[in-house]
Amino acid sequence: MSVIPFDQREGTIWFDGAMVPWREAKIHVLSHGLHYGSSVFEGERAYGGRIFKSREHSERLRRSAQLLDFEIPYSVDQIEAAKAHVLATSGLQDAYLRPVAWRGSEMMGVAAQNNTIHLAIAAWEWPSYFDPATKMKGIRLDIADYRRPDPRTAPSTSKAAGLYMICTISKHRAENKGYADALMFDWEDYVAECTGANVFFIADGAIHTPQADRFLNGITRQTVIELAKRRGIEVIERRIRPEEMTGFSECFITGSAAEVTPVSEIGPYRFTPGALTKTLMDDYLAEVQPRAVAA
């Protein structure tokens, strides 16, 4: 992966309706989104020149903004066209895309009713989120100190930038201890999600996953559940206590960046990546690849 800082890369970024040189896609230091977290974003992948579930991501971006009480001044169709243009302009077939919307700099204070809402979209090459060799063996997760917040205290179903503050802290702490990531519990100490991915467990041929009403219901999560059901695999969405992890044989996480990644360890709990996880990894890769159009 390139070590070039993101503000020093070459290319173009879609910024408020126009393509601008990558290095010139800047905002003022007194932007509300920077100071108060009034920002939402999406993480998407393109495979073979096609953005996987692009429209679902664009729709969620607008919903996330509405949950933060602002309206993105572009329709879903306009966002779709902009993303397609960004991908085509990048020259990449396989890419990661990052749309981000935020409140601007007209007002600097908690209230910012009249601030301009900005939207930018960038695309770059981003290989597998985890090292491929490590990924097949199963990654190691720590258990985070911070909890996902009670939905009564934050808009937990929004992909809001501010909700990721404790995720960054938790992932850094995990990495500093030699882990790849961290599993987070919710405020009632049920299993919730990782810092940027949803989590699944397997026991006796059935899949168990936390009910996604207290954190983001990932688009990749929904896709994997659909793939499992196509195969007739039982998927149980429920509250999961940490001690229940002792009884699960396999574990994997899902996300646009992580895709489907096996897990071998979560704190004191151990798992062995097996056939069912491998099947869902293969099914997901087949699902995201563009299909040939019959003549």
Protein backbone atom coordinates (compact mmCIF):
# COMPACT_ATOMS: atom_id res chain seq x y z
CA MET A 1 0.00 0.00 0.00
CA SER A 2 1.28 3.48 -0.86
CA VAL A 3 2.70 5.55 1.98
CA ILE A 4 2.12 8.85 0.16
CA PRO A 5 0.04 11.12 2.44
CA PHE A 6 -3.49 11.53 1.18
CA ASP A 7 -3.14 15.29 0.72
CA GLN A 8 -0.08 14.80 -1.50
CA ARG A 9 -1.47 12.35 -4.04
CA GLU A 10 -2.14 12.95 -7.72
CA GLY A 11 -5.48 12.83 -9.48
CA THR A 12 -8.81 14.62 -9.16
CA ILE A 13 -11.60 14.74 -6.58
CA TRP A 14 -15.25 15.61 -7.15
CA PHE A 15 -15.88 18.61 -4.88
CA ASP A 16 -19.25 20.38 -4.74
CA GLY A 17 -20.10 19.53 -8.34
CA ALA A 18 -16.73 20.01 -10.03
CA MET A 19 -13.61 17.91 -10.53
CA VAL A 20 -10.67 19.64 -8.85
CA PRO A 21 -6.98 18.68 -8.67
CA TRP A 22 -6.44 16.26 -5.79
CA ARG A 23 -4.05 18.53 -3.88
CA GLU A 24 -6.44 21.48 -4.14
CA ALA A 25 -9.44 19.69 -2.59
CA LYS A 26 -9.19 21.59 0.71
CA ILE A 27 -11.48 23.10 3.34
CA HIS A 28 -10.95 25.89 5.85
CA VAL A 29 -9.66 25.03 9.32
CA LEU A 30 -12.78 26.64 10.81
CA SER A 31 -15.22 24.26 9.14
CA HIS A 32 -18.03 23.09 11.40
CA GLY A 33 -17.58 19.47 10.35
CA LEU A 34 -14.03 19.47 11.71
CA HIS A 35 -14.87 21.05 15.06
CA TYR A 36 -18.26 19.53 15.85
CA GLY A 37 -18.35 16.27 13.91
CA SER A 38 -21.22 17.37 11.62
CA SER A 39 -20.05 15.05 8.87
CA VAL A 40 -21.19 11.77 7.31
CA PHE A 41 -19.44 9.46 4.87
CA GLU A 42 -19.54 6.18 2.99
CA GLY A 43 -16.91 3.55 2.22
CA GLU A 44 -17.46 1.69 -1.04
CA ARG A 45 -15.56 -0.67 -3.31
CA ALA A 46 -15.53 -0.96 -7.08
CA TYR A 47 -14.73 -4.27 -8.71
CA GLY A 48 -13.97 -4.44 -12.41
CA GLY A 49 -15.17 -0.89 -12.93
CA ARG A 50 -18.50 -1.37 -11.11
CA ILE A 51 -19.25 0.09 -7.67
CA PHE A 52 -20.82 -2.66 -5.58
CA LYS A 53 -24.28 -1.72 -4.30
CA SER A 54 -23.57 1.88 -5.17
CA ARG A 55 -27.14 3.12 -4.93
CA GLU A 56 -27.63 1.60 -1.48
CA HIS A 57 -24.57 3.52 -0.31
CA SER A 58 -25.80 6.79 -1.86
CA GLU A 59 -29.20 6.38 -0.23
CA ARG A 60 -27.59 5.67 3.14
CA LEU A 61 -25.36 8.73 2.80
CA ARG A 62 -28.41 10.96 2.45
CA ARG A 63 -30.19 9.20 5.34
CA SER A 64 -27.14 9.62 7.55
CA ALA A 65 -27.09 13.36 6.85
CA GLN A 66 -30.80 13.65 7.65
CA LEU A 67 -30.20 11.92 10.99
CA LEU A 68 -27.61 14.64 11.69
CA ASP A 69 -30.27 17.21 10.76
CA PHE A 70 -28.87 18.39 7.45
CA GLU A 71 -29.77 17.78 3.82
CA ILE A 72 -27.16 16.97 1.18
CA PRO A 73 -27.90 19.30 -1.78
CA TYR A 74 -27.61 16.50 -4.33
CA SER A 75 -30.11 13.78 -5.16
CA VAL A 76 -29.28 10.09 -5.09
CA ASP A 77 -29.14 10.13 -8.88
CA GLN A 78 -26.72 13.05 -8.86
CA ILE A 79 -24.49 11.33 -6.30
CA GLU A 80 -24.58 8.16 -8.40
CA ALA A 81 -23.50 10.07 -11.51
CA ALA A 82 -20.73 11.82 -9.60
CA LYS A 83 -19.33 8.55 -8.22
CA ALA A 84 -19.37 6.96 -11.66
CA HIS A 85 -17.52 9.98 -13.06
CA VAL A 86 -14.93 9.87 -10.27
CA LEU A 87 -14.27 6.18 -10.88
CA ALA A 88 -13.98 6.64 -14.65
CA THR A 89 -11.66 9.63 -14.23
CA SER A 90 -9.44 7.72 -11.78
CA GLY A 91 -8.62 5.10 -14.40
CA LEU A 92 -9.04 2.39 -11.77
CA GLN A 93 -11.09 -0.77 -12.22
CA ASP A 94 -10.74 -1.95 -8.61
CA ALA A 95 -10.94 0.96 -6.21
CA TYR A 96 -12.16 2.26 -2.88
CA LEU A 97 -14.51 5.26 -2.98
CA ARG A 98 -15.11 7.74 -0.19
CA PRO A 99 -18.07 10.16 -0.46
CA VAL A 100 -18.13 12.61 2.47
CA ALA A 101 -20.55 15.43 3.35
CA TRP A 102 -20.11 18.09 6.01
CA ARG A 103 -21.23 21.45 7.33
CA GLY A 104 -19.03 24.32 6.18
CA SER A 105 -17.56 27.43 7.76
CA GLU A 106 -20.22 30.17 7.74
CA MET A 107 -20.95 29.74 11.47
CA MET A 108 -18.59 28.51 14.18
CA GLY A 109 -20.50 27.31 17.21
CA VAL A 110 -22.65 24.38 18.24
CA ALA A 111 -25.54 25.82 16.21
CA ALA A 112 -24.82 26.09 12.49
CA GLN A 113 -28.21 26.27 10.83
CA ASN A 114 -27.03 28.39 7.89
CA ASN A 115 -23.79 26.63 7.04
CA THR A 116 -23.31 25.41 3.48
CA ILE A 117 -23.47 21.63 3.11
CA HIS A 118 -20.52 20.34 1.09
CA LEU A 119 -20.01 17.01 -0.66
CA ALA A 120 -16.79 15.49 -1.96
CA ILE A 121 -16.03 12.12 -3.54
CA ALA A 122 -12.60 10.54 -3.97
CA ALA A 123 -11.40 7.19 -5.29
CA TRP A 124 -8.09 5.43 -4.76
CA GLU A 125 -6.49 2.02 -4.85
CA TRP A 126 -6.90 0.23 -1.51
CA PRO A 127 -6.04 -3.48 -1.39
CA SER A 128 -7.45 -5.90 1.17
CA TYR A 129 -7.99 -4.18 4.53
CA PHE A 130 -5.97 -6.93 6.20
CA ASP A 131 -2.79 -8.62 5.04
CA PRO A 132 -3.90 -11.47 2.68
CA ALA A 133 -1.65 -14.10 4.30
CA THR A 134 -2.89 -13.21 7.77
CA LYS A 135 -6.48 -12.96 6.57
CA MET A 136 -6.70 -16.64 5.57
CA LYS A 137 -5.41 -17.72 8.98
CA GLY A 138 -7.88 -15.48 10.79
CA ILE A 139 -7.11 -12.11 12.30
CA ARG A 140 -6.70 -11.46 16.02
CA LEU A 141 -9.03 -9.03 17.79
CA ASP A 142 -8.68 -7.32 21.13
CA ILE A 143 -11.70 -6.30 23.21
CA ALA A 144 -12.19 -2.54 23.27
CA ASP A 145 -12.49 -0.51 26.44
CA TYR A 146 -15.11 1.81 24.95
CA ARG A 147 -18.71 0.77 24.31
CA ARG A 148 -20.96 1.59 21.40
CA PRO A 149 -23.32 4.29 22.69
CA ASP A 150 -26.94 3.90 23.65
CA PRO A 151 -29.06 5.00 20.63
CA ARG A 152 -30.73 7.46 22.99
CA THR A 153 -27.42 9.32 23.25
CA ALA A 154 -26.27 9.39 19.61
CA PRO A 155 -27.64 8.74 16.08
CA SER A 156 -26.23 5.19 16.06
CA THR A 157 -27.77 4.17 12.73
CA SER A 158 -26.03 7.03 10.90
CA LYS A 159 -22.59 6.61 9.35
CA ALA A 160 -21.56 9.75 11.15
CA ALA A 161 -17.89 10.70 11.42
CA GLY A 162 -18.20 11.55 15.12
CA LEU A 163 -19.24 8.00 16.00
CA TYR A 164 -15.84 6.77 14.82
CA MET A 165 -13.80 8.72 17.38
CA ILE A 166 -13.88 5.84 19.89
CA CYS A 167 -13.29 3.39 17.04
CA THR A 168 -10.00 5.07 16.15
CA ILE A 169 -8.92 5.04 19.80
CA SER A 170 -9.90 1.38 20.17
CA LYS A 171 -8.18 0.26 16.97
CA HIS A 172 -4.98 2.12 17.88
CA ARG A 173 -4.91 0.50 21.32
CA ALA A 174 -5.47 -2.93 19.76
CA GLU A 175 -2.73 -2.44 17.16
CA ASN A 176 -0.32 -1.28 19.83
CA LYS A 177 -0.85 -4.63 21.56
CA GLY A 178 -0.29 -6.63 18.38
CA TYR A 179 -3.92 -7.18 17.36
CA ALA A 180 -5.45 -6.34 13.98
CA ASP A 181 -8.58 -4.71 15.37
CA ALA A 182 -10.91 -4.58 18.37
CA LEU A 183 -14.37 -5.93 19.12
CA MET A 184 -16.69 -3.46 20.80
CA PHE A 185 -19.56 -4.23 23.18
CA ASP A 186 -22.65 -2.06 23.50
CA TRP A 187 -23.58 -0.04 26.60
CA GLU A 188 -25.32 -3.11 28.10
CA ASP A 189 -22.21 -5.28 27.52
CA TYR A 190 -23.65 -7.29 24.64
CA VAL A 191 -21.40 -7.98 21.63
CA ALA A 192 -21.85 -5.15 19.11
CA GLU A 193 -19.35 -4.77 16.26
CA CYS A 194 -15.70 -4.12 15.44
CA THR A 195 -14.30 -0.62 14.97
CA GLY A 196 -15.29 -0.60 11.29
CA ALA A 197 -16.97 -3.94 10.57
CA ASN A 198 -19.85 -6.16 11.67
CA VAL A 199 -19.23 -9.51 13.35
CA PHE A 200 -20.65 -13.01 12.79
CA PHE A 201 -20.27 -16.30 14.68
CA ILE A 202 -20.94 -19.91 13.69
CA ALA A 203 -22.19 -22.77 15.86
CA ASP A 204 -23.60 -26.12 14.72
CA GLY A 205 -24.00 -24.94 11.12
CA ALA A 206 -25.98 -21.81 12.02
CA ILE A 207 -24.84 -18.20 11.90
CA HIS A 208 -25.34 -15.91 14.89
CA THR A 209 -24.87 -12.15 14.63
CA PRO A 210 -25.75 -9.20 16.89
CA GLN A 211 -29.06 -7.53 16.13
CA ALA A 212 -28.20 -4.34 14.22
CA ASP A 213 -30.49 -1.88 15.98
CA ARG A 214 -27.78 -0.35 18.17
CA PHE A 215 -25.10 0.27 15.55
CA LEU A 216 -24.75 0.58 11.78
CA ASN A 217 -26.45 -2.20 9.82
CA GLY A 218 -23.67 -2.61 7.27
CA ILE A 219 -24.46 -3.07 3.60
CA THR A 220 -21.88 -5.86 3.46
CA ARG A 221 -23.53 -7.37 6.54
CA GLN A 222 -26.88 -7.39 4.77
CA THR A 223 -25.29 -8.91 1.66
CA VAL A 224 -23.66 -11.76 3.59
CA ILE A 225 -26.92 -12.54 5.40
CA GLU A 226 -28.65 -12.73 2.02
CA LEU A 227 -25.90 -15.00 0.63
CA ALA A 228 -26.17 -17.33 3.63
CA LYS A 229 -29.95 -17.57 3.31
CA ARG A 230 -29.62 -18.40 -0.39
CA ARG A 231 -27.68 -21.48 0.69
CA GLY A 232 -30.30 -22.39 3.26
CA ILE A 233 -28.04 -21.50 6.17
CA GLU A 234 -29.91 -20.36 9.27
CA VAL A 235 -29.06 -16.79 10.30
CA ILE A 236 -30.01 -15.78 13.85
CA GLU A 237 -29.91 -12.06 14.68
CA ARG A 238 -29.99 -11.60 18.45
CA ARG A 239 -28.31 -10.20 21.54
CA ILE A 240 -25.06 -12.07 22.23
CA ARG A 241 -23.32 -12.09 25.59
CA PRO A 242 -19.49 -12.10 25.55
CA GLU A 243 -19.29 -15.42 27.42
CA GLU A 244 -21.28 -17.06 24.62
CA MET A 245 -18.24 -16.71 22.36
CA THR A 246 -16.87 -19.81 24.08
CA GLY A 247 -19.48 -21.90 22.25
CA PHE A 248 -18.83 -20.63 18.71
CA SER A 249 -16.54 -22.57 16.38
CA GLU A 250 -15.98 -19.92 13.70
CA CYS A 251 -16.05 -16.14 13.53
CA PHE A 252 -15.73 -13.60 10.73
CA ILE A 253 -16.23 -9.89 10.20
CA THR A 254 -17.73 -8.00 7.26
CA GLY A 255 -17.45 -4.52 5.78
CA SER A 256 -16.83 -2.76 2.48
CA ALA A 257 -13.16 -2.40 3.38
CA ALA A 258 -12.80 -5.72 5.26
CA GLU A 259 -15.05 -7.66 2.83
CA VAL A 260 -15.39 -11.08 4.57
CA THR A 261 -12.46 -11.71 6.91
CA PRO A 262 -12.05 -14.76 9.19
CA VAL A 263 -11.22 -14.26 12.88
CA SER A 264 -9.09 -16.65 14.93
CA GLU A 265 -9.07 -14.84 18.27
CA ILE A 266 -11.07 -12.29 20.27
CA GLY A 267 -9.37 -11.62 23.58
CA PRO A 268 -9.51 -14.96 25.47
CA TYR A 269 -11.82 -16.61 22.92
CA ARG A 270 -10.50 -18.81 20.08
CA PHE A 271 -11.99 -19.75 16.71
CA THR A 272 -10.87 -21.88 13.76
CA PRO A 273 -11.66 -20.49 10.30
CA GLY A 274 -13.58 -23.31 8.63
CA ALA A 275 -15.56 -24.41 5.60
CA LEU A 276 -18.62 -22.23 6.20
CA THR A 277 -16.57 -19.06 6.54
CA LYS A 278 -14.61 -19.97 3.40
CA THR A 279 -17.85 -20.62 1.52
CA LEU A 280 -19.20 -17.18 2.41
CA MET A 281 -15.89 -15.55 1.49
CA ASP A 282 -16.07 -17.20 -1.93
CA ASP A 283 -19.76 -16.37 -2.34
CA TYR A 284 -19.12 -12.73 -1.51
CA LEU A 285 -16.26 -12.44 -3.99
CA ALA A 286 -18.46 -14.00 -6.67
CA GLU A 287 -21.26 -11.58 -5.79
CA VAL A 288 -19.17 -8.43 -6.11
CA GLN A 289 -17.56 -9.34 -9.43
CA PRO A 290 -19.31 -7.78 -12.47
CA ARG A 291 -21.36 -10.31 -14.36
CA ALA A 292 -21.04 -10.76 -18.10
CA VAL A 293 -24.09 -9.46 -19.98
CA ALA A 294 -25.60 -12.02 -22.33
CA ALA A 295 -25.80 -10.98 -25.98
